[in-house]
C-alpha atoms as a PDB file:
ATOM      1  CA  MET A   1     -42.042 -53.303  47.554  1.00  0.00           C
ATOM      2  CA  TRP A   2     -40.636 -50.645  48.828  1.00  0.00           C
ATOM      3  CA  ARG A   3     -42.212 -47.004  49.229  1.00  0.00           C
ATOM      4  CA  CYS A   4     -40.542 -44.024  49.190  1.00  0.00           C
ATOM      5  CA  THR A   5     -41.351 -42.335  52.789  1.00  0.00           C
ATOM      6  CA  GLY A   6     -39.658 -38.795  52.510  1.00  0.00           C
ATOM      7  CA  LEU A   7     -36.820 -36.870  52.887  1.00  0.00           C
ATOM      8  CA  ARG A   8     -34.901 -37.085  56.607  1.00  0.00           C
ATOM      9  CA  TRP A   9     -31.934 -34.541  57.512  1.00  0.00           C
ATOM     10  CA  SER A  10     -29.258 -34.673  59.970  1.00  0.00           C
ATOM     11  CA  THR A  11     -25.861 -32.778  60.664  1.00  0.00           C
ATOM     12  CA  GLY A  12     -24.406 -35.943  58.431  1.00  0.00           C
ATOM     13  CA  GLY A  13     -26.882 -34.466  55.427  1.00  0.00           C
ATOM     14  CA  ALA A  14     -29.978 -35.740  53.591  1.00  0.00           C
ATOM     15  CA  ARG A  15     -31.199 -39.670  53.398  1.00  0.00           C
ATOM     16  CA  LEU A  16     -34.227 -40.957  51.362  1.00  0.00           C
ATOM     17  CA  GLY A  17     -36.429 -43.339  53.234  1.00  0.00           C
ATOM     18  CA  TRP A  18     -37.943 -46.380  52.424  1.00  0.00           C
ATOM     19  CA  PHE A  19     -40.798 -48.672  53.628  1.00  0.00           C
ATOM     20  CA  SER A  20     -42.058 -52.171  53.340  1.00  0.00           C
ATOM     21  CA  GLU A  21     -44.615 -53.548  55.234  1.00  0.00           C
ATOM     22  CA  GLU A  22     -42.462 -56.948  54.631  1.00  0.00           C
ATOM     23  CA  VAL A  23     -39.304 -55.761  55.964  1.00  0.00           C
ATOM     24  CA  GLY A  24     -39.793 -52.354  58.036  1.00  0.00           C
ATOM     25  CA  GLU A  25     -37.906 -48.880  57.064  1.00  0.00           C
ATOM     26  CA  ARG A  26     -34.626 -48.591  55.897  1.00  0.00           C
ATOM     27  CA  TRP A  27     -32.706 -45.329  54.493  1.00  0.00           C
ATOM     28  CA  SER A  28     -30.031 -44.371  51.747  1.00  0.00           C
ATOM     29  CA  SER A  29     -27.957 -41.527  51.781  1.00  0.00           C
ATOM     30  CA  LEU A  30     -27.727 -38.608  49.366  1.00  0.00           C
ATOM     31  CA  ARG A  31     -24.591 -36.912  47.490  1.00  0.00           C
ATOM     32  CA  TYR A  32     -23.866 -34.092  45.985  1.00  0.00           C
ATOM     33  CA  GLY A  33     -22.742 -35.008  42.346  1.00  0.00           C
ATOM     34  CA  GLN A  34     -24.666 -38.324  42.245  1.00  0.00           C
ATOM     35  CA  GLU A  35     -26.650 -39.418  39.176  1.00  0.00           C
ATOM     36  CA  LEU A  36     -30.440 -40.010  40.711  1.00  0.00           C
ATOM     37  CA  GLY A  37     -32.869 -41.502  38.419  1.00  0.00           C
ATOM     38  CA  PHE A  38     -36.447 -43.251  39.099  1.00  0.00           C
ATOM     39  CA  ALA A  39     -39.531 -44.040  37.694  1.00  0.00           C
ATOM     40  CA  ALA A  40     -43.359 -44.052  39.535  1.00  0.00           C
ATOM     41  CA  ARG A  41     -45.023 -47.520  39.585  1.00  0.00           C
ATOM     42  CA  GLY A  42     -48.513 -48.315  40.398  1.00  0.00           C
ATOM     43  CA  ASP A  43     -50.411 -46.064  42.977  1.00  0.00           C
ATOM     44  CA  ARG A  44     -49.834 -43.624  45.086  1.00  0.00           C
ATOM     45  CA  ARG A  45     -50.521 -45.228  48.879  1.00  0.00           C
ATOM     46  CA  CYS A  46     -50.918 -43.448  52.033  1.00  0.00           C
ATOM     47  CA  LEU A  47     -47.985 -44.405  54.533  1.00  0.00           C
ATOM     48  CA  GLY A  48     -49.628 -44.473  57.586  1.00  0.00           C
ATOM     49  CA  VAL A  49     -48.703 -43.508  60.820  1.00  0.00           C
ATOM     50  CA  ARG A  50     -44.952 -42.899  61.825  1.00  0.00           C
ATOM     51  CA  ARG A  51     -44.408 -42.063  66.245  1.00  0.00           C
ATOM     52  CA  ALA A  52     -41.837 -42.781  68.560  1.00  0.00           C
ATOM     53  CA  GLY A  53     -39.678 -44.380  65.689  1.00  0.00           C
ATOM     54  CA  ARG A  54     -42.251 -46.826  64.558  1.00  0.00           C
ATOM     55  CA  ARG A  55     -44.544 -46.751  61.385  1.00  0.00           C
ATOM     56  CA  THR A  56     -48.070 -48.319  61.807  1.00  0.00           C
ATOM     57  CA  PRO A  57     -48.874 -49.412  58.013  1.00  0.00           C
ATOM     58  CA  CYS A  58     -52.501 -47.740  57.115  1.00  0.00           C
ATOM     59  CA  PRO A  59     -55.016 -50.336  57.345  1.00  0.00           C
ATOM     60  CA  ARG A  60     -56.794 -49.264  54.101  1.00  0.00           C
ATOM     61  CA  ALA A  61     -53.365 -48.781  52.054  1.00  0.00           C
ATOM     62  CA  GLU A  62     -55.589 -45.927  50.843  1.00  0.00           C
ATOM     63  CA  LEU A  63     -54.722 -44.155  47.181  1.00  0.00           C
ATOM     64  CA  VAL A  64     -53.455 -40.427  48.124  1.00  0.00           C
ATOM     65  CA  GLU A  65     -53.947 -37.777  45.558  1.00  0.00           C
ATOM     66  CA  PRO A  66     -50.874 -37.253  43.152  1.00  0.00           C
ATOM     67  CA  ARG A  67     -50.721 -33.324  44.156  1.00  0.00           C
ATOM     68  CA  SER A  68     -51.046 -33.945  47.662  1.00  0.00           C
ATOM     69  CA  GLY A  69     -48.201 -32.560  50.051  1.00  0.00           C
ATOM     70  CA  ASN A  70     -48.616 -35.423  52.724  1.00  0.00           C
ATOM     71  CA  ALA A  71     -48.973 -39.178  51.961  1.00  0.00           C
ATOM     72  CA  GLN A  72     -51.692 -39.495  53.861  1.00  0.00           C
ATOM     73  CA  CYS A  73     -55.287 -40.157  53.849  1.00  0.00           C
ATOM     74  CA  PRO A  74     -57.085 -38.057  55.881  1.00  0.00           C
ATOM     75  CA  GLU A  75     -57.947 -40.778  58.606  1.00  0.00           C
ATOM     76  CA  CYS A  76     -54.059 -41.188  59.191  1.00  0.00           C
ATOM     77  CA  ASN A  77     -53.514 -37.941  58.886  1.00  0.00           C
ATOM     78  CA  ARG A  78     -55.802 -37.092  61.837  1.00  0.00           C
ATOM     79  CA  LEU A  79     -54.507 -39.102  64.583  1.00  0.00           C
ATOM     80  CA  ASP A  80     -50.711 -38.277  63.376  1.00  0.00           C
ATOM     81  CA  ARG A  81     -52.379 -34.641  64.460  1.00  0.00           C
ATOM     82  CA  SER A  82     -54.198 -35.864  67.647  1.00  0.00           C
ATOM     83  CA  PHE A  83     -50.743 -36.214  69.254  1.00  0.00           C
ATOM     84  CA  SER A  84     -48.755 -33.263  67.867  1.00  0.00           C
ATOM     85  CA  VAL A  85     -47.032 -30.467  69.157  1.00  0.00           C
ATOM     86  CA  ALA A  86     -47.274 -28.485  65.811  1.00  0.00           C
ATOM     87  CA  ALA A  87     -50.787 -29.279  65.516  1.00  0.00           C
ATOM     88  CA  ASP A  88     -51.183 -27.429  69.675  1.00  0.00           C
ATOM     89  CA  THR A  89     -52.885 -31.552  70.187  1.00  0.00           C
ATOM     90  CA  ARG A  90     -49.342 -32.347  72.442  1.00  0.00           C
ATOM     91  CA  LEU A  91     -49.401 -29.476  75.203  1.00  0.00           C
ATOM     92  CA  ASP A  92     -48.032 -31.720  78.176  1.00  0.00           C
ATOM     93  CA  ASP A  93     -44.488 -32.320  76.796  1.00  0.00           C
ATOM     94  CA  PRO A  94     -42.361 -32.159  79.798  1.00  0.00           C
ATOM     95  CA  ARG A  95     -38.729 -31.670  77.125  1.00  0.00           C
ATOM     96  CA  PRO A  96     -37.041 -28.614  76.872  1.00  0.00           C
ATOM     97  CA  TYR A  97     -38.031 -26.412  73.704  1.00  0.00           C
ATOM     98  CA  ARG A  98     -35.970 -23.781  72.009  1.00  0.00           C
ATOM     99  CA  VAL A  99     -37.435 -20.935  69.849  1.00  0.00           C
ATOM    100  CA  TYR A 100     -35.321 -20.111  66.921  1.00  0.00           C
ATOM    101  CA  LEU A 101     -35.309 -17.654  64.244  1.00  0.00           C
ATOM    102  CA  ALA A 102     -34.771 -18.835  60.624  1.00  0.00           C
ATOM    103  CA  TRP A 103     -33.282 -17.019  57.511  1.00  0.00           C
ATOM    104  CA  PHE A 104     -34.616 -18.456  53.819  1.00  0.00           C
ATOM    105  CA  GLY A 105     -33.713 -15.275  51.752  1.00  0.00           C
ATOM    106  CA  PRO A 106     -33.116 -11.369  52.250  1.00  0.00           C
ATOM    107  CA  GLY A 107     -36.283  -9.966  54.364  1.00  0.00           C
ATOM    108  CA  VAL A 108     -37.575 -13.748  54.761  1.00  0.00           C
ATOM    109  CA  VAL A 109     -37.202 -14.696  58.112  1.00  0.00           C
ATOM    110  CA  LYS A 110     -39.430 -16.844  60.056  1.00  0.00           C
ATOM    111  CA  VAL A 111     -40.006 -17.620  64.261  1.00  0.00           C
ATOM    112  CA  GLY A 112     -40.522 -21.191  64.958  1.00  0.00           C
ATOM    113  CA  ILE A 113     -39.656 -23.417  68.063  1.00  0.00           C
ATOM    114  CA  THR A 114     -37.971 -27.108  68.304  1.00  0.00           C
ATOM    115  CA  ALA A 115     -37.273 -30.051  70.989  1.00  0.00           C
ATOM    116  CA  GLU A 116     -34.002 -29.130  72.353  1.00  0.00           C
ATOM    117  CA  GLU A 117     -33.344 -33.014  71.820  1.00  0.00           C
ATOM    118  CA  ARG A 118     -33.159 -32.544  67.906  1.00  0.00           C
ATOM    119  CA  GLY A 119     -30.806 -30.278  67.522  1.00  0.00           C
ATOM    120  CA  VAL A 120     -31.346 -28.241  64.574  1.00  0.00           C
ATOM    121  CA  ALA A 121     -32.465 -31.142  62.603  1.00  0.00           C
ATOM    122  CA  ARG A 122     -36.122 -28.801  62.425  1.00  0.00           C
ATOM    123  CA  LEU A 123     -33.903 -26.089  60.561  1.00  0.00           C
ATOM    124  CA  LEU A 124     -32.507 -28.337  58.175  1.00  0.00           C
ATOM    125  CA  GLU A 125     -35.942 -30.279  57.193  1.00  0.00           C
ATOM    126  CA  GLN A 126     -37.341 -26.060  56.985  1.00  0.00           C
ATOM    127  CA  GLY A 127     -34.586 -25.135  54.502  1.00  0.00           C
ATOM    128  CA  ALA A 128     -33.160 -22.649  56.799  1.00  0.00           C
ATOM    129  CA  VAL A 129     -29.768 -20.927  55.005  1.00  0.00           C
ATOM    130  CA  ALA A 130     -28.868 -19.597  58.487  1.00  0.00           C
ATOM    131  CA  PHE A 131     -30.575 -19.481  61.747  1.00  0.00           C
ATOM    132  CA  THR A 132     -30.094 -18.569  65.451  1.00  0.00           C
ATOM    133  CA  TRP A 133     -31.321 -20.064  68.728  1.00  0.00           C
ATOM    134  CA  LEU A 134     -33.442 -17.159  70.877  1.00  0.00           C
ATOM    135  CA  GLY A 135     -33.949 -18.929  73.830  1.00  0.00           C
ATOM    136  CA  ARG A 136     -34.837 -22.407  75.496  1.00  0.00           C
ATOM    137  CA  GLY A 137     -37.271 -23.608  78.733  1.00  0.00           C
ATOM    138  CA  PRO A 138     -40.638 -25.387  78.648  1.00  0.00           C
ATOM    139  CA  LEU A 139     -42.996 -25.791  75.295  1.00  0.00           C
ATOM    140  CA  MET A 140     -45.440 -23.358  76.698  1.00  0.00           C
ATOM    141  CA  ALA A 141     -43.300 -20.396  77.261  1.00  0.00           C
ATOM    142  CA  ALA A 142     -41.063 -21.379  74.145  1.00  0.00           C
ATOM    143  CA  ARG A 143     -44.927 -21.114  72.438  1.00  0.00           C
ATOM    144  CA  ARG A 144     -45.562 -17.624  74.131  1.00  0.00           C
ATOM    145  CA  THR A 145     -42.474 -16.540  73.401  1.00  0.00           C
ATOM    146  CA  GLU A 146     -42.717 -17.693  69.350  1.00  0.00           C
ATOM    147  CA  GLU A 147     -45.895 -15.857  69.239  1.00  0.00           C
ATOM    148  CA  VAL A 148     -45.094 -12.480  71.174  1.00  0.00           C
ATOM    149  CA  VAL A 149     -42.098 -12.148  68.852  1.00  0.00           C
ATOM    150  CA  ARG A 150     -44.600 -12.556  65.359  1.00  0.00           C
ATOM    151  CA  ALA A 151     -46.784 -10.269  66.328  1.00  0.00           C
ATOM    152  CA  ALA A 152     -44.239  -7.522  67.868  1.00  0.00           C
ATOM    153  CA  LEU A 153     -41.990  -7.528  65.035  1.00  0.00           C
ATOM    154  CA  SER A 154     -44.429  -8.833  61.834  1.00  0.00           C
ATOM    155  CA  VAL A 155     -42.400 -12.586  61.525  1.00  0.00           C
ATOM    156  CA  PRO A 156     -44.451 -14.897  60.578  1.00  0.00           C
ATOM    157  CA  ASP A 157     -44.542 -18.818  61.688  1.00  0.00           C
ATOM    158  CA  ARG A 158     -45.160 -20.166  58.259  1.00  0.00           C
ATOM    159  CA  ILE A 159     -43.463 -19.766  54.712  1.00  0.00           C
ATOM    160  CA  SER A 160     -44.363 -21.378  51.671  1.00  0.00           C
ATOM    161  CA  TYR A 161     -42.237 -23.716  50.589  1.00  0.00           C
ATOM    162  CA  ALA A 162     -42.226 -22.701  46.925  1.00  0.00           C
ATOM    163  CA  ARG A 163     -40.976 -18.979  48.497  1.00  0.00           C
ATOM    164  CA  LYS A 164     -38.034 -20.386  49.473  1.00  0.00           C
ATOM    165  CA  ARG A 165     -36.845 -22.665  46.379  1.00  0.00           C
ATOM    166  CA  ALA A 166     -37.141 -19.469  44.692  1.00  0.00           C
ATOM    167  CA  LEU A 167     -34.647 -17.378  46.775  1.00  0.00           C
ATOM    168  CA  ARG A 168     -32.310 -19.819  46.868  1.00  0.00           C
ATOM    169  CA  GLY A 169     -30.455 -19.445  42.915  1.00  0.00           C
ATOM    170  CA  SER A 170     -29.621 -15.920  44.070  1.00  0.00           C
ATOM    171  CA  LEU A 171     -28.496 -15.572  47.827  1.00  0.00           C
ATOM    172  CA  PRO A 172     -26.702 -12.524  49.055  1.00  0.00           C
ATOM    173  CA  PRO A 173     -22.631 -13.469  50.671  1.00  0.00           C
ATOM    174  CA  LEU A 174     -22.673 -14.672  54.141  1.00  0.00           C
ATOM    175  CA  ALA A 175     -21.957 -11.832  55.987  1.00  0.00           C
ATOM    176  CA  GLU A 176     -24.718 -10.026  54.906  1.00  0.00           C
ATOM    177  CA  ARG A 177     -27.448 -13.152  56.178  1.00  0.00           C
ATOM    178  CA  ALA A 178     -25.555 -12.902  59.711  1.00  0.00           C
ATOM    179  CA  ALA A 179     -26.294  -9.428  59.911  1.00  0.00           C
ATOM    180  CA  GLU A 180     -29.603  -9.871  58.783  1.00  0.00           C
ATOM    181  CA  VAL A 181     -30.255 -12.714  61.312  1.00  0.00           C
ATOM    182  CA  ALA A 182     -28.564 -10.069  63.842  1.00  0.00           C
ATOM    183  CA  ARG A 183     -30.130  -7.262  63.656  1.00  0.00           C
ATOM    184  CA  LEU A 184     -33.806  -9.352  64.324  1.00  0.00           C
ATOM    185  CA  TYR A 185     -32.540 -11.458  67.213  1.00  0.00           C
ATOM    186  CA  ARG A 186     -31.819  -7.671  68.996  1.00  0.00           C
ATOM    187  CA  SER A 187     -34.924  -6.766  68.032  1.00  0.00           C
ATOM    188  CA  ALA A 188     -36.462  -9.909  69.842  1.00  0.00           C
ATOM    189  CA  ARG A 189     -34.499  -9.409  73.027  1.00  0.00           C
ATOM    190  CA  GLU A 190     -35.375  -6.078  72.995  1.00  0.00           C
ATOM    191  CA  LEU A 191     -39.143  -6.890  73.561  1.00  0.00           C
ATOM    192  CA  GLY A 192     -40.518  -6.565  77.408  1.00  0.00           C
ATOM    193  CA  SER A 193     -43.010  -9.616  77.005  1.00  0.00           C
ATOM    194  CA  TRP A 194     -40.874 -12.769  76.986  1.00  0.00           C
ATOM    195  CA  PRO A 195     -42.255 -15.286  79.719  1.00  0.00           C
ATOM    196  CA  GLU A 196     -39.311 -15.781  83.023  1.00  0.00           C
ATOM    197  CA  SER A 197     -39.407 -19.180  82.707  1.00  0.00           C
ATOM    198  CA  LEU A 198     -37.755 -18.684  78.923  1.00  0.00           C
ATOM    199  CA  GLU A 199     -33.762 -18.690  78.819  1.00  0.00           C
ATOM    200  CA  PRO A 200     -32.545 -15.899  76.942  1.00  0.00           C
ATOM    201  CA  LEU A 201     -29.663 -17.880  74.559  1.00  0.00           C
ATOM    202  CA  PRO A 202     -26.589 -15.795  72.992  1.00  0.00           C
ATOM    203  CA  CYS A 203     -26.955 -14.835  69.302  1.00  0.00           C
ATOM    204  CA  GLU A 204     -24.874 -16.954  67.188  1.00  0.00           C
ATOM    205  CA  VAL A 205     -25.574 -16.914  63.839  1.00  0.00           C
ATOM    206  CA  LEU A 206     -25.395 -20.952  62.229  1.00  0.00           C
ATOM    207  CA  ASP A 207     -25.364 -20.719  58.372  1.00  0.00           C
ATOM    208  CA  GLN A 208     -26.262 -24.145  56.547  1.00  0.00           C
ATOM    209  CA  SER A 209     -25.587 -23.508  52.847  1.00  0.00           C
ATOM    210  CA  VAL A 210     -22.690 -25.844  52.591  1.00  0.00           C
ATOM    211  CA  VAL A 211     -24.965 -28.561  54.338  1.00  0.00           C
ATOM    212  CA  PHE A 212     -27.491 -27.937  51.491  1.00  0.00           C
ATOM    213  CA  GLY A 213     -25.096 -27.441  48.730  1.00  0.00           C
ATOM    214  CA  LEU A 214     -25.910 -24.090  47.448  1.00  0.00           C
ATOM    215  CA  ARG A 215     -22.740 -22.453  46.764  1.00  0.00           C
ATOM    216  CA  ARG A 216     -23.061 -24.407  43.564  1.00  0.00           C
ATOM    217  CA  VAL A 217     -26.807 -24.546  43.045  1.00  0.00           C
ATOM    218  CA  PRO A 218     -28.062 -23.821  39.431  1.00  0.00           C
ATOM    219  CA  ARG A 219     -31.196 -21.140  39.393  1.00  0.00           C
ATOM    220  CA  PRO A 220     -34.018 -23.009  40.160  1.00  0.00           C
ATOM    221  CA  ALA A 221     -36.218 -23.057  37.055  1.00  0.00           C
ATOM    222  CA  ARG A 222     -38.733 -25.657  36.916  1.00  0.00           C
ATOM    223  CA  VAL A 223     -40.708 -28.067  39.770  1.00  0.00           C
ATOM    224  CA  VAL A 224     -42.358 -31.495  39.488  1.00  0.00           C
ATOM    225  CA  THR A 225     -45.982 -30.491  40.485  1.00  0.00           C
ATOM    226  CA  HIS A 226     -46.625 -34.640  40.927  1.00  0.00           C
ATOM    227  CA  LEU A 227     -45.989 -37.860  40.006  1.00  0.00           C
ATOM    228  CA  LEU A 228     -47.746 -40.526  37.509  1.00  0.00           C
ATOM    229  CA  PRO A 229     -47.677 -44.016  37.609  1.00  0.00           C
ATOM    230  CA  GLY A 230     -44.622 -44.683  34.516  1.00  0.00           C
ATOM    231  CA  THR A 231     -43.034 -40.398  34.381  1.00  0.00           C
ATOM    232  CA  VAL A 232     -39.198 -41.046  35.132  1.00  0.00           C
ATOM    233  CA  VAL A 233     -37.127 -38.120  36.466  1.00  0.00           C
ATOM    234  CA  VAL A 234     -33.567 -38.325  35.638  1.00  0.00           C
ATOM    235  CA  GLY A 235     -30.158 -35.952  36.504  1.00  0.00           C
ATOM    236  CA  SER A 236     -27.388 -35.051  38.238  1.00  0.00           C
ATOM    237  CA  LEU A 237     -27.747 -34.081  42.343  1.00  0.00           C
ATOM    238  CA  ALA A 238     -26.664 -30.654  42.708  1.00  0.00           C
ATOM    239  CA  ALA A 239     -28.154 -29.445  46.075  1.00  0.00           C
ATOM    240  CA  ALA A 240     -31.006 -30.264  48.510  1.00  0.00           C
ATOM    241  CA  ALA A 241     -32.954 -28.134  51.419  1.00  0.00           C
ATOM    242  CA  GLY A 242     -36.257 -28.659  53.240  1.00  0.00           C
ATOM    243  CA  PRO A 243     -37.771 -31.102  51.006  1.00  0.00           C
ATOM    244  CA  ASP A 244     -36.348 -30.329  47.660  1.00  0.00           C
ATOM    245  CA  LEU A 245     -33.437 -31.798  45.462  1.00  0.00           C
ATOM    246  CA  HIS A 246     -31.813 -29.368  43.239  1.00  0.00           C
ATOM    247  CA  LEU A 247     -30.807 -31.042  39.821  1.00  0.00           C
ATOM    248  CA  ALA A 248     -27.913 -29.787  37.868  1.00  0.00           C
ATOM    249  CA  ASP A 249     -30.128 -28.734  34.900  1.00  0.00           C
ATOM    250  CA  GLY A 250     -32.336 -26.366  37.387  1.00  0.00           C
ATOM    251  CA  LEU A 251     -34.877 -28.915  38.255  1.00  0.00           C
ATOM    252  CA  VAL A 252     -36.452 -29.091  41.568  1.00  0.00           C
ATOM    253  CA  VAL A 253     -37.814 -31.881  42.906  1.00  0.00           C
ATOM    254  CA  ASP A 254     -40.216 -31.314  46.252  1.00  0.00           C
ATOM    255  CA  VAL A 255     -39.482 -35.103  47.756  1.00  0.00           C
ATOM    256  CA  ARG A 256     -42.908 -34.857  49.893  1.00  0.00           C
ATOM    257  CA  LEU A 257     -44.788 -35.789  46.096  1.00  0.00           C
ATOM    258  CA  LEU A 258     -42.638 -38.789  46.278  1.00  0.00           C
ATOM    259  CA  ALA A 259     -43.624 -40.066  49.314  1.00  0.00           C
ATOM    260  CA  GLY A 260     -45.947 -42.582  49.010  1.00  0.00           C
ATOM    261  CA  TRP A 261     -45.295 -44.071  45.445  1.00  0.00           C
ATOM    262  CA  VAL A 262     -43.221 -47.219  44.744  1.00  0.00           C
ATOM    263  CA  LEU A 263     -39.789 -45.777  43.104  1.00  0.00           C
ATOM    264  CA  VAL A 264     -37.547 -47.971  40.457  1.00  0.00           C
ATOM    265  CA  ALA A 265     -34.333 -46.997  39.135  1.00  0.00           C
ATOM    266  CA  ALA A 266     -34.216 -45.402  35.879  1.00  0.00           C
ATOM    267  CA  GLY A 267     -31.482 -44.240  33.470  1.00  0.00           C
ATOM    268  CA  ALA A 268     -31.087 -41.572  30.675  1.00  0.00           C
ATOM    269  CA  GLY A 269     -33.426 -42.638  28.184  1.00  0.00           C
ATOM    270  CA  GLU A 270     -35.457 -44.971  30.011  1.00  0.00           C
ATOM    271  CA  PRO A 271     -38.874 -45.193  28.165  1.00  0.00           C
ATOM    272  CA  GLY A 272     -41.723 -43.628  30.335  1.00  0.00           C
ATOM    273  CA  GLY A 273     -44.121 -40.622  30.608  1.00  0.00           C
ATOM    274  CA  ALA A 274     -42.696 -36.896  31.248  1.00  0.00           C
ATOM    275  CA  VAL A 275     -42.691 -35.986  34.494  1.00  0.00           C
ATOM    276  CA  PRO A 276     -45.196 -32.749  35.146  1.00  0.00           C
ATOM    277  CA  VAL A 277     -43.270 -29.830  35.931  1.00  0.00           C
ATOM    278  CA  LYS A 278     -44.085 -25.636  35.985  1.00  0.00           C
ATOM    279  CA  GLY A 279     -42.101 -22.736  36.190  1.00  0.00           C
ATOM    280  CA  ILE A 280     -40.836 -21.066  39.057  1.00  0.00           C
ATOM    281  CA  GLU A 281     -41.287 -17.641  39.269  1.00  0.00           C
ATOM    282  CA  GLN A 282     -37.956 -15.657  41.070  1.00  0.00           C
ATOM    283  CA  SER A 283     -38.661 -14.417  44.202  1.00  0.00           C
ATOM    284  CA  GLN A 284     -38.336 -11.030  45.115  1.00  0.00           C
ATOM    285  CA  GLY A 285     -37.820 -11.454  49.109  1.00  0.00           C
ATOM    286  CA  ARG A 286     -38.690  -8.459  51.551  1.00  0.00           C
ATOM    287  CA  GLN A 287     -41.959  -9.527  53.561  1.00  0.00           C
ATOM    288  CA  GLY A 288     -43.304  -6.646  55.306  1.00  0.00           C
ATOM    289  CA  GLY A 289     -42.736  -5.354  58.970  1.00  0.00           C
ATOM    290  CA  LEU A 290     -39.447  -6.993  59.559  1.00  0.00           C
ATOM    291  CA  PHE A 291     -37.686  -3.760  60.384  1.00  0.00           C
END
């Protein structure tokens, strides 16, 4: 019995993860243009905790609410966050960190940090269409710089996935988005309160639209809200960004909602329930206070 564990990104593209208590973990690569088809079976169960490359199953295999974006029970989630840089519960991490500016659409930019050894994986996971590094240094210096840039330039450290996906069907040309990132980079560098231990990095705007397949992505129209036992999803994979799979008919599947389910292969016309969906409101972009 293999349960989906979500999407994992690398510079080579996206892979779907699977976990079996008897066998362990495996991964299946995704290709744009391939036909996808799956049906949910049984119940959605907690995936436990993954740490240091090893997954520890949930001791009680707790049920998980189908609409939750996190396939963990409260106890496993607390354990997961008890030793986490993102949750500020791991402040003694000796690894070097990088600060970045990530662009998702016109006027929609965030600032964040990631461990240097992870490369661009964090930016791929977040669905950043374009980004540039700001600097590198110890964890606390990177966190301090993140806070300075966010407060001084009114740049958030979080942007909802709903807003990100609504922007992907109408992106401006590459040169325009690169220019916007470069302008914000200059504004961030002009701030005089960066920690001395953070090494500034030159502006080099990296665009990830080709990796995501966004040049041919259809305008997102509907998004899956949750799965239920027996529901079926079938379609051609047109693009992927962050946790989202974009199908050729405009349907978006947030893979975080697949995690914890046993998924079996299904094809067009497969008997089963219709997947619950809702419409996607087209975003107007432009968050306040950027420039």
